[in-house]
Amino acid sequence: MRLHDLRLTHASLMLQQGVNPKTVAERLGHSSVTITLDTYSHLLPGIQEEAVSKFDAAMDAALALNN
């Protein structure tokens, strides 16, 4: 296994486990989180759906507090 393969595996597993992309970028030594997301975002299927689901839950909770 090449060093590059280990980096890819490390980044992939962390992102799939929900580690903040900024943290992953720092661990990989990327100068910007943009580099990390541009390189590895294809490994995060369903990220948009998850964001919508979390937003919906937050809105439901906020509305429940106001009623």
C-alpha atoms as a PDB file:
ATOM      1  CA  MET A   1       0.000   0.000   0.000  1.00  0.00           C
ATOM      2  CA  ARG A   2       1.317   3.428  -0.945  1.00  0.00           C
ATOM      3  CA  LEU A   3       1.439   6.419   1.388  1.00  0.00           C
ATOM      4  CA  HIS A   4      -1.099   8.163  -0.873  1.00  0.00           C
ATOM      5  CA  ASP A   5      -3.505   5.247  -0.375  1.00  0.00           C
ATOM      6  CA  LEU A   6      -3.191   5.571   3.404  1.00  0.00           C
ATOM      7  CA  ARG A   7      -3.936   9.319   3.201  1.00  0.00           C
ATOM      8  CA  LEU A   8      -6.999   8.673   1.067  1.00  0.00           C
ATOM      9  CA  THR A   9      -8.231   5.986   3.462  1.00  0.00           C
ATOM     10  CA  HIS A  10      -7.604   8.201   6.488  1.00  0.00           C
ATOM     11  CA  ALA A  11      -9.492  11.151   4.980  1.00  0.00           C
ATOM     12  CA  SER A  12     -12.299   8.979   3.649  1.00  0.00           C
ATOM     13  CA  LEU A  13     -12.972   7.222   6.940  1.00  0.00           C
ATOM     14  CA  MET A  14     -12.912  10.439   8.942  1.00  0.00           C
ATOM     15  CA  LEU A  15     -15.302  12.242   6.597  1.00  0.00           C
ATOM     16  CA  GLN A  16     -17.658   9.260   6.436  1.00  0.00           C
ATOM     17  CA  GLN A  17     -17.730   9.213  10.254  1.00  0.00           C
ATOM     18  CA  GLY A  18     -18.816  12.839  10.342  1.00  0.00           C
ATOM     19  CA  VAL A  19     -15.534  14.444  11.375  1.00  0.00           C
ATOM     20  CA  ASN A  20     -15.592  18.153  10.591  1.00  0.00           C
ATOM     21  CA  PRO A  21     -13.925  18.760   7.188  1.00  0.00           C
ATOM     22  CA  LYS A  22     -11.808  21.550   8.708  1.00  0.00           C
ATOM     23  CA  THR A  23     -10.337  19.029  11.147  1.00  0.00           C
ATOM     24  CA  VAL A  24      -9.654  16.584   8.316  1.00  0.00           C
ATOM     25  CA  ALA A  25      -7.975  19.359   6.309  1.00  0.00           C
ATOM     26  CA  GLU A  26      -5.726  20.211   9.251  1.00  0.00           C
ATOM     27  CA  ARG A  27      -4.780  16.556   9.777  1.00  0.00           C
ATOM     28  CA  LEU A  28      -3.896  16.195   6.098  1.00  0.00           C
ATOM     29  CA  GLY A  29      -1.894  19.416   6.098  1.00  0.00           C
ATOM     30  CA  HIS A  30      -4.103  21.114   3.526  1.00  0.00           C
ATOM     31  CA  SER A  31      -3.762  24.894   3.477  1.00  0.00           C
ATOM     32  CA  SER A  32      -7.517  25.240   3.008  1.00  0.00           C
ATOM     33  CA  VAL A  33     -10.610  23.182   3.740  1.00  0.00           C
ATOM     34  CA  THR A  34     -11.582  23.885   0.125  1.00  0.00           C
ATOM     35  CA  ILE A  35      -8.806  21.583  -1.060  1.00  0.00           C
ATOM     36  CA  THR A  36     -10.106  18.814   1.185  1.00  0.00           C
ATOM     37  CA  LEU A  37     -13.716  19.231   0.100  1.00  0.00           C
ATOM     38  CA  ASP A  38     -12.826  19.494  -3.590  1.00  0.00           C
ATOM     39  CA  THR A  39     -10.773  16.315  -3.321  1.00  0.00           C
ATOM     40  CA  TYR A  40     -12.946  14.160  -1.071  1.00  0.00           C
ATOM     41  CA  SER A  41     -16.529  15.462  -1.223  1.00  0.00           C
ATOM     42  CA  HIS A  42     -17.513  12.706  -3.658  1.00  0.00           C
ATOM     43  CA  LEU A  43     -17.102  10.348  -0.709  1.00  0.00           C
ATOM     44  CA  LEU A  44     -20.015  11.957   1.100  1.00  0.00           C
ATOM     45  CA  PRO A  45     -23.152  10.728  -0.640  1.00  0.00           C
ATOM     46  CA  GLY A  46     -26.316  12.029   0.901  1.00  0.00           C
ATOM     47  CA  ILE A  47     -24.682  15.053   2.511  1.00  0.00           C
ATOM     48  CA  GLN A  48     -27.330  17.409   1.097  1.00  0.00           C
ATOM     49  CA  GLU A  49     -30.153  15.176   2.303  1.00  0.00           C
ATOM     50  CA  GLU A  50     -28.600  15.010   5.758  1.00  0.00           C
ATOM     51  CA  ALA A  51     -28.313  18.802   5.873  1.00  0.00           C
ATOM     52  CA  VAL A  52     -31.980  19.200   4.952  1.00  0.00           C
ATOM     53  CA  SER A  53     -33.014  16.643   7.544  1.00  0.00           C
ATOM     54  CA  LYS A  54     -31.039  18.402  10.290  1.00  0.00           C
ATOM     55  CA  PHE A  55     -32.445  21.785   9.284  1.00  0.00           C
ATOM     56  CA  ASP A  56     -36.004  20.418   9.312  1.00  0.00           C
ATOM     57  CA  ALA A  57     -35.478  18.964  12.782  1.00  0.00           C
ATOM     58  CA  ALA A  58     -34.068  22.263  14.063  1.00  0.00           C
ATOM     59  CA  MET A  59     -37.003  24.200  12.599  1.00  0.00           C
ATOM     60  CA  ASP A  60     -39.516  21.771  14.116  1.00  0.00           C
ATOM     61  CA  ALA A  61     -37.846  22.171  17.512  1.00  0.00           C
ATOM     62  CA  ALA A  62     -37.812  25.974  17.226  1.00  0.00           C
ATOM     63  CA  LEU A  63     -41.463  26.059  16.205  1.00  0.00           C
ATOM     64  CA  ALA A  64     -42.404  23.763  19.086  1.00  0.00           C
ATOM     65  CA  LEU A  65     -40.769  26.167  21.539  1.00  0.00           C
ATOM     66  CA  ASN A  66     -42.752  29.078  20.161  1.00  0.00           C
ATOM     67  CA  ASN A  67     -46.129  27.300  20.400  1.00  0.00           C
END
